[in-house]
């Protein structure tokens, strides 16, 4: 199975062809791309000569309001896919703060 299509299920820990949105073993939607966890393919690591050897600190702030409960897991999973390679190399941390919206009213944009 090519690395680009391999997916790891966070629920049953099976590795399968990630061409769908559900784990082929257990049906969970908690799939993570193995290529992203491992930092991608070696073929994808073309570094611009002027940036070779440099590193940068990046702080990302994302606020999501009124996310339906059934979408919380997939939303967090998609966000961790972006920084998965850095998390795997222990170069990043990821913190999630959830607050129920009971009693809060949000206006549709």
N, C-alpha and C. Protein backbone atom coordinates (compact mmCIF):
# COMPACT_ATOMS: atom_id res chain seq x y z
N UNK A 1 0.86 -1.17 0.00
CA UNK A 1 0.00 0.00 0.00
C UNK A 1 0.90 1.24 0.00
N UNK A 2 0.68 2.17 -0.89
CA UNK A 2 1.49 3.39 -0.94
C UNK A 2 1.30 4.23 0.33
N UNK A 3 2.37 4.88 0.78
CA UNK A 3 2.32 5.71 1.97
C UNK A 3 1.28 6.82 1.83
N UNK A 4 1.14 7.37 0.64
CA UNK A 4 0.22 8.48 0.42
C UNK A 4 -1.24 8.14 0.66
N UNK A 5 -1.62 6.85 0.61
CA UNK A 5 -3.02 6.48 0.83
C UNK A 5 -3.22 5.71 2.13
N UNK A 6 -2.15 5.45 2.87
CA UNK A 6 -2.26 4.70 4.12
C UNK A 6 -2.86 5.58 5.22
N UNK A 7 -3.79 5.01 5.98
CA UNK A 7 -4.44 5.74 7.07
C UNK A 7 -4.39 4.90 8.34
N UNK A 8 -4.20 5.57 9.48
CA UNK A 8 -4.16 4.92 10.78
C UNK A 8 -5.43 5.28 11.53
N UNK A 9 -6.12 4.27 12.06
CA UNK A 9 -7.36 4.50 12.81
C UNK A 9 -7.00 4.73 14.27
N UNK A 10 -7.42 5.85 14.81
CA UNK A 10 -7.15 6.17 16.21
C UNK A 10 -7.97 5.33 17.17
N UNK A 11 -9.06 4.74 16.68
CA UNK A 11 -9.92 3.94 17.56
C UNK A 11 -9.45 2.49 17.67
N UNK A 12 -9.25 1.81 16.52
CA UNK A 12 -8.89 0.39 16.57
C UNK A 12 -7.42 0.13 16.24
N UNK A 13 -6.66 1.19 15.92
CA UNK A 13 -5.24 1.13 15.62
C UNK A 13 -4.91 0.26 14.41
N UNK A 14 -5.83 0.18 13.45
CA UNK A 14 -5.59 -0.56 12.21
C UNK A 14 -5.05 0.41 11.16
N UNK A 15 -4.24 -0.12 10.26
CA UNK A 15 -3.74 0.65 9.12
C UNK A 15 -4.45 0.11 7.89
N UNK A 16 -5.03 1.03 7.12
CA UNK A 16 -5.77 0.60 5.94
C UNK A 16 -5.60 1.63 4.83
N UNK A 17 -6.16 1.31 3.67
CA UNK A 17 -6.17 2.22 2.56
C UNK A 17 -7.13 3.36 2.91
N UNK A 18 -6.63 4.56 3.02
CA UNK A 18 -7.43 5.69 3.49
C UNK A 18 -8.20 6.40 2.41
N UNK A 19 -8.69 5.70 1.42
CA UNK A 19 -9.39 6.36 0.32
C UNK A 19 -10.82 6.75 0.70
N UNK A 20 -11.32 6.28 1.82
CA UNK A 20 -12.65 6.66 2.27
C UNK A 20 -12.56 7.52 3.52
N UNK A 21 -13.69 7.84 4.09
CA UNK A 21 -13.71 8.65 5.30
C UNK A 21 -13.94 7.81 6.55
N UNK A 22 -14.00 6.48 6.37
CA UNK A 22 -14.23 5.59 7.50
C UNK A 22 -13.19 4.49 7.52
N UNK A 23 -12.85 4.03 8.70
CA UNK A 23 -11.91 2.92 8.87
C UNK A 23 -12.52 1.66 8.25
N UNK A 24 -11.74 0.97 7.46
CA UNK A 24 -12.23 -0.25 6.83
C UNK A 24 -12.39 -1.39 7.83
N UNK A 25 -11.70 -1.30 8.98
CA UNK A 25 -11.79 -2.37 9.98
C UNK A 25 -12.96 -2.18 10.94
N UNK A 26 -13.15 -0.94 11.45
CA UNK A 26 -14.18 -0.75 12.48
C UNK A 26 -15.25 0.28 12.13
N UNK A 27 -15.09 1.01 11.03
CA UNK A 27 -16.09 1.99 10.62
C UNK A 27 -15.94 3.36 11.26
N UNK A 28 -14.92 3.54 12.12
CA UNK A 28 -14.70 4.83 12.78
C UNK A 28 -14.30 5.89 11.76
N UNK A 29 -14.60 7.15 12.10
CA UNK A 29 -14.18 8.27 11.25
C UNK A 29 -12.91 8.93 11.78
N UNK A 30 -12.27 8.30 12.75
CA UNK A 30 -11.05 8.86 13.36
C UNK A 30 -9.81 8.37 12.64
N UNK A 31 -9.66 8.75 11.38
CA UNK A 31 -8.51 8.33 10.57
C UNK A 31 -7.48 9.45 10.50
N UNK A 32 -6.21 9.06 10.51
CA UNK A 32 -5.11 10.00 10.38
C UNK A 32 -4.21 9.51 9.26
N UNK A 33 -3.80 10.40 8.39
CA UNK A 33 -2.92 10.05 7.28
C UNK A 33 -1.54 9.68 7.81
N UNK A 34 -1.04 8.49 7.46
CA UNK A 34 0.30 8.08 7.90
C UNK A 34 1.37 8.95 7.27
N UNK A 35 1.17 9.40 6.05
CA UNK A 35 2.16 10.26 5.40
C UNK A 35 2.34 11.55 6.19
N UNK A 36 1.25 12.10 6.70
CA UNK A 36 1.36 13.34 7.47
C UNK A 36 2.01 13.10 8.82
N UNK A 37 1.71 11.97 9.46
CA UNK A 37 2.33 11.66 10.74
C UNK A 37 3.83 11.48 10.58
N UNK A 38 4.24 10.81 9.51
CA UNK A 38 5.65 10.50 9.30
C UNK A 38 6.41 11.62 8.58
N UNK A 39 5.75 12.68 8.24
CA UNK A 39 6.43 13.80 7.60
C UNK A 39 6.41 13.75 6.09
N UNK A 40 5.58 12.90 5.52
CA UNK A 40 5.45 12.82 4.07
C UNK A 40 6.49 11.93 3.43
N UNK A 41 6.46 11.89 2.14
CA UNK A 41 7.39 11.09 1.35
C UNK A 41 8.73 11.80 1.23
N UNK A 42 9.80 11.03 1.10
CA UNK A 42 11.12 11.62 0.88
C UNK A 42 11.16 12.42 -0.42
N UNK A 43 10.34 12.04 -1.38
CA UNK A 43 10.28 12.76 -2.66
C UNK A 43 9.73 14.18 -2.50
N UNK A 44 9.00 14.44 -1.42
CA UNK A 44 8.37 15.74 -1.21
C UNK A 44 9.26 16.74 -0.48
N UNK A 45 10.45 16.34 -0.08
CA UNK A 45 11.31 17.19 0.74
C UNK A 45 12.31 17.98 -0.10
N UNK A 46 11.83 18.82 -0.99
CA UNK A 46 12.68 19.73 -1.76
C UNK A 46 12.71 21.06 -1.01
N UNK A 47 13.88 21.40 -0.45
CA UNK A 47 14.00 22.62 0.34
C UNK A 47 14.65 23.71 -0.51
N UNK A 48 14.10 24.92 -0.45
CA UNK A 48 14.69 26.04 -1.17
C UNK A 48 16.08 26.30 -0.59
N UNK A 49 17.08 26.55 -1.43
CA UNK A 49 18.45 26.75 -0.95
C UNK A 49 18.58 27.85 0.10
N UNK A 50 17.86 28.95 -0.02
CA UNK A 50 17.96 30.04 0.94
C UNK A 50 17.37 29.72 2.31
N UNK A 51 16.52 28.71 2.40
CA UNK A 51 15.87 28.36 3.66
C UNK A 51 16.46 27.12 4.32
N UNK A 52 17.37 26.45 3.64
CA UNK A 52 17.96 25.22 4.18
C UNK A 52 18.67 25.54 5.50
N UNK A 53 18.41 24.72 6.51
CA UNK A 53 19.06 24.88 7.80
C UNK A 53 18.39 25.88 8.73
N UNK A 54 17.43 26.65 8.25
CA UNK A 54 16.73 27.61 9.10
C UNK A 54 15.53 26.96 9.76
N UNK A 55 15.11 27.51 10.88
CA UNK A 55 13.88 27.04 11.51
C UNK A 55 13.10 28.26 11.98
N UNK A 56 11.83 28.07 12.20
CA UNK A 56 10.95 29.15 12.59
C UNK A 56 10.03 28.67 13.71
N UNK A 57 9.67 29.56 14.61
CA UNK A 57 8.65 29.28 15.62
C UNK A 57 7.34 29.83 15.08
N UNK A 58 6.29 29.02 15.17
CA UNK A 58 4.99 29.42 14.64
C UNK A 58 3.95 29.23 15.74
N UNK A 59 3.12 30.23 15.96
CA UNK A 59 2.00 30.12 16.88
C UNK A 59 0.72 30.27 16.07
N UNK A 60 -0.17 29.28 16.16
CA UNK A 60 -1.44 29.31 15.46
C UNK A 60 -2.56 29.44 16.49
N UNK A 61 -3.50 30.30 16.24
CA UNK A 61 -4.67 30.43 17.09
C UNK A 61 -5.89 30.21 16.22
N UNK A 62 -6.69 29.23 16.59
CA UNK A 62 -7.90 28.91 15.84
C UNK A 62 -9.07 28.91 16.81
N UNK A 63 -10.10 29.65 16.50
CA UNK A 63 -11.30 29.64 17.32
C UNK A 63 -12.46 29.16 16.47
N UNK A 64 -13.12 28.14 16.93
CA UNK A 64 -14.30 27.62 16.25
C UNK A 64 -15.47 27.77 17.21
N UNK A 65 -16.57 28.29 16.71
CA UNK A 65 -17.73 28.53 17.57
C UNK A 65 -18.90 27.65 17.16
N UNK A 66 -19.57 27.10 18.15
CA UNK A 66 -20.80 26.33 17.97
C UNK A 66 -20.60 25.14 17.03
N UNK A 67 -19.53 24.37 17.25
CA UNK A 67 -19.29 23.15 16.47
C UNK A 67 -20.24 22.08 17.01
N UNK A 68 -21.04 21.44 16.16
CA UNK A 68 -21.93 20.38 16.63
C UNK A 68 -21.14 19.25 17.30
N UNK A 69 -21.67 18.69 18.36
CA UNK A 69 -20.98 17.66 19.14
C UNK A 69 -20.50 16.50 18.26
N UNK A 70 -21.29 16.10 17.28
CA UNK A 70 -20.92 14.96 16.44
C UNK A 70 -19.73 15.29 15.53
N UNK A 71 -19.38 16.57 15.37
CA UNK A 71 -18.27 16.96 14.50
C UNK A 71 -16.98 17.29 15.25
N UNK A 72 -17.01 17.25 16.59
CA UNK A 72 -15.83 17.65 17.37
C UNK A 72 -14.63 16.75 17.06
N UNK A 73 -14.80 15.42 17.10
CA UNK A 73 -13.67 14.52 16.85
C UNK A 73 -13.06 14.74 15.47
N UNK A 74 -13.88 14.80 14.44
CA UNK A 74 -13.32 14.96 13.09
C UNK A 74 -12.68 16.34 12.92
N UNK A 75 -13.21 17.36 13.58
CA UNK A 75 -12.62 18.70 13.50
C UNK A 75 -11.24 18.71 14.14
N UNK A 76 -11.11 18.13 15.32
CA UNK A 76 -9.81 18.06 16.00
C UNK A 76 -8.84 17.23 15.18
N UNK A 77 -9.31 16.12 14.62
CA UNK A 77 -8.46 15.27 13.79
C UNK A 77 -7.92 16.03 12.59
N UNK A 78 -8.77 16.78 11.92
CA UNK A 78 -8.33 17.53 10.75
C UNK A 78 -7.32 18.59 11.12
N UNK A 79 -7.49 19.22 12.27
CA UNK A 79 -6.51 20.21 12.72
C UNK A 79 -5.18 19.56 13.06
N UNK A 80 -5.20 18.39 13.69
CA UNK A 80 -3.94 17.72 14.03
C UNK A 80 -3.25 17.17 12.79
N UNK A 81 -3.99 16.90 11.73
CA UNK A 81 -3.35 16.46 10.48
C UNK A 81 -2.37 17.51 9.97
N UNK A 82 -2.69 18.78 10.20
CA UNK A 82 -1.83 19.86 9.71
C UNK A 82 -0.48 19.85 10.42
N UNK A 83 -0.48 19.61 11.74
CA UNK A 83 0.78 19.65 12.49
C UNK A 83 1.26 18.27 12.90
N UNK A 84 0.63 17.22 12.38
CA UNK A 84 0.98 15.85 12.74
C UNK A 84 2.46 15.54 12.63
N UNK A 85 3.15 15.89 11.53
CA UNK A 85 4.57 15.57 11.44
C UNK A 85 5.40 16.22 12.55
N UNK A 86 5.10 17.46 12.91
CA UNK A 86 5.84 18.12 13.98
C UNK A 86 5.52 17.51 15.33
N UNK A 87 4.26 17.08 15.53
CA UNK A 87 3.90 16.40 16.77
C UNK A 87 4.66 15.09 16.90
N UNK A 88 4.79 14.36 15.80
CA UNK A 88 5.47 13.07 15.81
C UNK A 88 6.95 13.24 16.15
N UNK A 89 7.55 14.35 15.74
CA UNK A 89 8.96 14.59 16.01
C UNK A 89 9.15 15.39 17.31
N UNK A 90 8.09 15.54 18.08
CA UNK A 90 8.10 16.25 19.36
C UNK A 90 8.59 17.69 19.21
N UNK A 91 8.23 18.32 18.11
CA UNK A 91 8.58 19.72 17.87
C UNK A 91 7.37 20.64 17.99
N UNK A 92 6.26 20.09 18.44
CA UNK A 92 5.05 20.90 18.55
C UNK A 92 4.22 20.39 19.71
N UNK A 93 3.33 21.22 20.16
CA UNK A 93 2.34 20.80 21.14
C UNK A 93 0.98 21.24 20.62
N UNK A 94 -0.04 20.55 21.06
CA UNK A 94 -1.39 20.83 20.59
C UNK A 94 -2.30 20.82 21.80
N UNK A 95 -2.99 21.92 22.04
CA UNK A 95 -3.88 22.04 23.19
C UNK A 95 -5.28 22.35 22.69
N UNK A 96 -6.25 21.68 23.26
CA UNK A 96 -7.64 21.90 22.89
C UNK A 96 -8.41 22.28 24.14
N UNK A 97 -9.18 23.34 24.06
CA UNK A 97 -10.05 23.75 25.16
C UNK A 97 -11.47 23.75 24.62
N UNK A 98 -12.31 22.92 25.18
CA UNK A 98 -13.71 22.83 24.76
C UNK A 98 -14.60 23.42 25.84
N UNK A 99 -15.56 24.20 25.42
CA UNK A 99 -16.53 24.74 26.35
C UNK A 99 -17.91 24.52 25.77
N UNK A 100 -18.81 23.94 26.53
CA UNK A 100 -20.17 23.76 26.02
C UNK A 100 -20.82 25.12 25.77
N UNK A 101 -21.67 25.15 24.76
CA UNK A 101 -22.33 26.42 24.40
C UNK A 101 -23.71 26.53 25.03
N UNK A 102 -24.00 25.74 26.06
CA UNK A 102 -25.29 25.79 26.72
C UNK A 102 -25.52 27.19 27.26
N UNK A 103 -26.62 27.76 26.89
CA UNK A 103 -26.96 29.09 27.37
C UNK A 103 -26.35 30.21 26.54
N UNK A 104 -25.48 29.88 25.59
CA UNK A 104 -24.88 30.90 24.72
C UNK A 104 -25.64 30.92 23.40
N UNK A 105 -25.75 32.07 22.83
CA UNK A 105 -26.44 32.20 21.55
C UNK A 105 -25.49 32.80 20.55
N UNK A 106 -25.35 32.12 19.41
CA UNK A 106 -24.47 32.61 18.35
C UNK A 106 -25.34 33.00 17.15
N UNK A 107 -24.96 34.10 16.54
CA UNK A 107 -25.66 34.53 15.34
C UNK A 107 -24.99 33.92 14.13
N UNK A 108 -25.77 33.48 13.18
CA UNK A 108 -25.20 32.96 11.94
C UNK A 108 -24.58 34.11 11.15
N UNK A 109 -23.40 33.84 10.60
CA UNK A 109 -22.71 34.89 9.84
C UNK A 109 -23.24 34.96 8.43
